[in-house]
Amino acid sequence: MELIKLIWDFRGPNASNIAEHHAKHLNEYIQSEKIPNSTTGTEAHSEMYHSAFMITERSRMQELRERLKPHRGQVYSES
């Protein structure tokens, strides 16, 4: 199963809080839509740049891109 990582970027003094809040909504979306093999989280790139992400199956990429409008994405590998 190939996984992808959909990413939403946030910049500015409130970027950390916004990314955490966005990840919470992504997790709620996963639960409400019953999307298997998916997880969410946040990453800190700097003090003023954070991102929220969703890792899910590549087969869901097109549907999720249209519905959730991520800023970018990449193939995900656990290594």
N, C-alpha and C. Protein backbone atom coordinates (compact mmCIF):
# COMPACT_ATOMS: atom_id res chain seq x y z
N MET A 1 0.85 -1.18 0.00
CA MET A 1 0.00 0.00 0.00
C MET A 1 0.90 1.24 0.00
N GLU A 2 0.71 2.09 -0.99
CA GLU A 2 1.48 3.32 -1.08
C GLU A 2 0.75 4.43 -0.34
N LEU A 3 1.49 5.17 0.47
CA LEU A 3 0.92 6.25 1.27
C LEU A 3 1.37 7.60 0.74
N ILE A 4 0.52 8.59 0.94
CA ILE A 4 0.87 9.97 0.59
C ILE A 4 0.69 10.83 1.84
N LYS A 5 1.37 11.96 1.82
CA LYS A 5 1.29 12.93 2.90
C LYS A 5 0.77 14.24 2.31
N LEU A 6 -0.45 14.61 2.69
CA LEU A 6 -1.03 15.88 2.27
C LEU A 6 -0.66 16.92 3.31
N ILE A 7 -0.23 18.11 2.86
CA ILE A 7 0.36 19.09 3.77
C ILE A 7 -0.30 20.46 3.61
N TRP A 8 -0.58 21.08 4.76
CA TRP A 8 -1.09 22.45 4.81
C TRP A 8 -0.07 23.29 5.58
N ASP A 9 0.42 24.35 4.97
CA ASP A 9 1.45 25.20 5.57
C ASP A 9 0.84 26.44 6.21
N PHE A 10 1.41 26.81 7.37
CA PHE A 10 0.95 28.01 8.08
C PHE A 10 2.17 28.81 8.53
N ARG A 11 2.11 30.10 8.30
CA ARG A 11 3.23 30.98 8.65
C ARG A 11 2.73 32.14 9.51
N GLY A 12 3.62 32.63 10.35
CA GLY A 12 3.29 33.77 11.18
C GLY A 12 3.37 33.44 12.66
N PRO A 13 3.11 34.43 13.52
CA PRO A 13 3.26 34.24 14.96
C PRO A 13 2.29 33.22 15.55
N ASN A 14 1.17 32.96 14.88
CA ASN A 14 0.19 31.99 15.38
C ASN A 14 0.22 30.67 14.61
N ALA A 15 1.24 30.45 13.82
CA ALA A 15 1.30 29.27 12.95
C ALA A 15 1.18 27.97 13.73
N SER A 16 1.80 27.87 14.89
CA SER A 16 1.74 26.65 15.68
C SER A 16 0.32 26.33 16.09
N ASN A 17 -0.38 27.30 16.63
CA ASN A 17 -1.77 27.10 17.07
C ASN A 17 -2.69 26.77 15.91
N ILE A 18 -2.48 27.44 14.80
CA ILE A 18 -3.33 27.20 13.63
C ILE A 18 -3.10 25.79 13.09
N ALA A 19 -1.84 25.35 13.02
CA ALA A 19 -1.54 24.00 12.54
C ALA A 19 -2.16 22.94 13.45
N GLU A 20 -2.05 23.14 14.76
CA GLU A 20 -2.65 22.20 15.72
C GLU A 20 -4.17 22.14 15.54
N HIS A 21 -4.78 23.29 15.37
CA HIS A 21 -6.23 23.36 15.19
C HIS A 21 -6.64 22.68 13.88
N HIS A 22 -5.88 22.91 12.83
CA HIS A 22 -6.19 22.30 11.53
C HIS A 22 -6.05 20.77 11.61
N ALA A 23 -5.00 20.29 12.28
CA ALA A 23 -4.81 18.85 12.44
C ALA A 23 -5.97 18.22 13.20
N LYS A 24 -6.51 18.94 14.16
CA LYS A 24 -7.68 18.45 14.91
C LYS A 24 -8.86 18.24 13.97
N HIS A 25 -9.09 19.20 13.08
CA HIS A 25 -10.19 19.09 12.12
C HIS A 25 -9.93 17.98 11.10
N LEU A 26 -8.68 17.80 10.69
CA LEU A 26 -8.36 16.71 9.79
C LEU A 26 -8.66 15.37 10.45
N ASN A 27 -8.32 15.24 11.71
CA ASN A 27 -8.60 14.01 12.44
C ASN A 27 -10.11 13.77 12.56
N GLU A 28 -10.86 14.81 12.82
CA GLU A 28 -12.32 14.70 12.87
C GLU A 28 -12.88 14.25 11.52
N TYR A 29 -12.30 14.77 10.44
CA TYR A 29 -12.73 14.40 9.09
C TYR A 29 -12.47 12.91 8.85
N ILE A 30 -11.30 12.44 9.24
CA ILE A 30 -10.96 11.02 9.09
C ILE A 30 -11.98 10.16 9.82
N GLN A 31 -12.32 10.55 11.02
CA GLN A 31 -13.28 9.77 11.82
C GLN A 31 -14.69 9.83 11.23
N SER A 32 -15.13 11.00 10.84
CA SER A 32 -16.51 11.13 10.33
C SER A 32 -16.68 10.43 8.98
N GLU A 33 -15.64 10.43 8.16
CA GLU A 33 -15.71 9.79 6.84
C GLU A 33 -15.25 8.33 6.89
N LYS A 34 -14.81 7.89 8.07
CA LYS A 34 -14.34 6.51 8.26
C LYS A 34 -13.26 6.14 7.24
N ILE A 35 -12.21 6.95 7.19
CA ILE A 35 -11.11 6.73 6.26
C ILE A 35 -10.06 5.87 6.95
N PRO A 36 -9.87 4.63 6.49
CA PRO A 36 -8.91 3.73 7.15
C PRO A 36 -7.46 4.10 6.80
N ASN A 37 -6.54 3.59 7.58
CA ASN A 37 -5.10 3.73 7.33
C ASN A 37 -4.68 5.19 7.19
N SER A 38 -5.23 6.06 8.01
CA SER A 38 -4.92 7.49 7.92
C SER A 38 -4.57 8.03 9.30
N THR A 39 -3.70 9.02 9.29
CA THR A 39 -3.30 9.68 10.53
C THR A 39 -3.02 11.15 10.25
N THR A 40 -2.97 11.95 11.30
CA THR A 40 -2.69 13.38 11.15
C THR A 40 -1.61 13.78 12.14
N GLY A 41 -1.11 14.98 11.96
CA GLY A 41 -0.12 15.51 12.89
C GLY A 41 0.32 16.89 12.47
N THR A 42 1.31 17.40 13.18
CA THR A 42 1.88 18.71 12.86
C THR A 42 3.40 18.61 12.86
N GLU A 43 4.02 19.56 12.19
CA GLU A 43 5.48 19.67 12.17
C GLU A 43 5.87 21.12 12.34
N ALA A 44 6.92 21.36 13.12
CA ALA A 44 7.46 22.70 13.28
C ALA A 44 8.70 22.81 12.41
N HIS A 45 8.68 23.76 11.49
CA HIS A 45 9.83 23.97 10.60
C HIS A 45 10.70 25.11 11.13
N SER A 46 10.07 26.06 11.77
CA SER A 46 10.75 27.16 12.45
C SER A 46 9.73 27.78 13.40
N GLU A 47 10.14 28.79 14.11
CA GLU A 47 9.23 29.44 15.06
C GLU A 47 8.00 30.02 14.37
N MET A 48 8.17 30.46 13.14
CA MET A 48 7.09 31.14 12.41
C MET A 48 6.53 30.30 11.26
N TYR A 49 6.88 29.03 11.19
CA TYR A 49 6.43 28.19 10.07
C TYR A 49 6.14 26.78 10.58
N HIS A 50 4.86 26.42 10.55
CA HIS A 50 4.41 25.10 10.99
C HIS A 50 3.50 24.53 9.91
N SER A 51 3.33 23.21 9.95
CA SER A 51 2.42 22.58 9.00
C SER A 51 1.59 21.52 9.70
N ALA A 52 0.42 21.28 9.14
CA ALA A 52 -0.45 20.18 9.54
C ALA A 52 -0.42 19.19 8.38
N PHE A 53 -0.56 17.91 8.70
CA PHE A 53 -0.52 16.92 7.62
C PHE A 53 -1.50 15.78 7.87
N MET A 54 -1.82 15.10 6.77
CA MET A 54 -2.61 13.88 6.81
C MET A 54 -1.87 12.85 5.98
N ILE A 55 -1.64 11.69 6.56
CA ILE A 55 -1.05 10.57 5.84
C ILE A 55 -2.17 9.58 5.55
N THR A 56 -2.31 9.20 4.29
CA THR A 56 -3.40 8.31 3.89
C THR A 56 -3.00 7.52 2.65
N GLU A 57 -3.86 6.64 2.21
CA GLU A 57 -3.60 5.81 1.04
C GLU A 57 -3.61 6.66 -0.23
N ARG A 58 -2.68 6.36 -1.12
CA ARG A 58 -2.57 7.11 -2.37
C ARG A 58 -3.86 7.05 -3.19
N SER A 59 -4.59 5.96 -3.10
CA SER A 59 -5.83 5.80 -3.87
C SER A 59 -6.87 6.86 -3.52
N ARG A 60 -6.73 7.50 -2.37
CA ARG A 60 -7.67 8.54 -1.94
C ARG A 60 -7.21 9.96 -2.30
N MET A 61 -6.05 10.07 -2.92
CA MET A 61 -5.43 11.37 -3.14
C MET A 61 -6.33 12.34 -3.90
N GLN A 62 -6.87 11.93 -5.04
CA GLN A 62 -7.64 12.86 -5.87
C GLN A 62 -8.88 13.38 -5.13
N GLU A 63 -9.61 12.49 -4.49
CA GLU A 63 -10.81 12.89 -3.75
C GLU A 63 -10.46 13.86 -2.62
N LEU A 64 -9.42 13.56 -1.86
CA LEU A 64 -9.04 14.41 -0.73
C LEU A 64 -8.47 15.75 -1.20
N ARG A 65 -7.75 15.74 -2.30
CA ARG A 65 -7.25 17.02 -2.84
C ARG A 65 -8.40 17.94 -3.20
N GLU A 66 -9.44 17.40 -3.81
CA GLU A 66 -10.59 18.22 -4.21
C GLU A 66 -11.38 18.71 -3.01
N ARG A 67 -11.53 17.87 -2.00
CA ARG A 67 -12.34 18.23 -0.84
C ARG A 67 -11.60 19.09 0.17
N LEU A 68 -10.33 18.77 0.44
CA LEU A 68 -9.61 19.40 1.55
C LEU A 68 -8.61 20.46 1.12
N LYS A 69 -8.29 20.54 -0.15
CA LYS A 69 -7.42 21.58 -0.71
C LYS A 69 -6.07 21.73 0.02
N PRO A 70 -5.28 20.66 0.09
CA PRO A 70 -3.96 20.80 0.72
C PRO A 70 -3.08 21.73 -0.12
N HIS A 71 -2.09 22.32 0.52
CA HIS A 71 -1.16 23.21 -0.17
C HIS A 71 -0.17 22.42 -1.02
N ARG A 72 0.16 21.23 -0.56
CA ARG A 72 1.10 20.38 -1.29
C ARG A 72 0.99 18.96 -0.78
N GLY A 73 1.71 18.07 -1.42
CA GLY A 73 1.70 16.67 -1.02
C GLY A 73 2.98 15.99 -1.47
N GLN A 74 3.21 14.82 -0.91
CA GLN A 74 4.39 14.04 -1.27
C GLN A 74 4.13 12.58 -0.96
N VAL A 75 4.90 11.73 -1.63
CA VAL A 75 4.84 10.30 -1.32
C VAL A 75 5.43 10.13 0.08
N TYR A 76 4.79 9.33 0.89
CA TYR A 76 5.21 9.15 2.28
C TYR A 76 5.91 7.81 2.43
N SER A 77 7.05 7.84 3.09
CA SER A 77 7.73 6.59 3.46
C SER A 77 8.12 6.71 4.93
N GLU A 78 7.96 5.63 5.64
CA GLU A 78 8.21 5.64 7.09
C GLU A 78 9.69 5.64 7.42
N SER A 79 10.53 5.42 6.47
CA SER A 79 11.98 5.36 6.77
C SER A 79 12.62 6.71 6.93
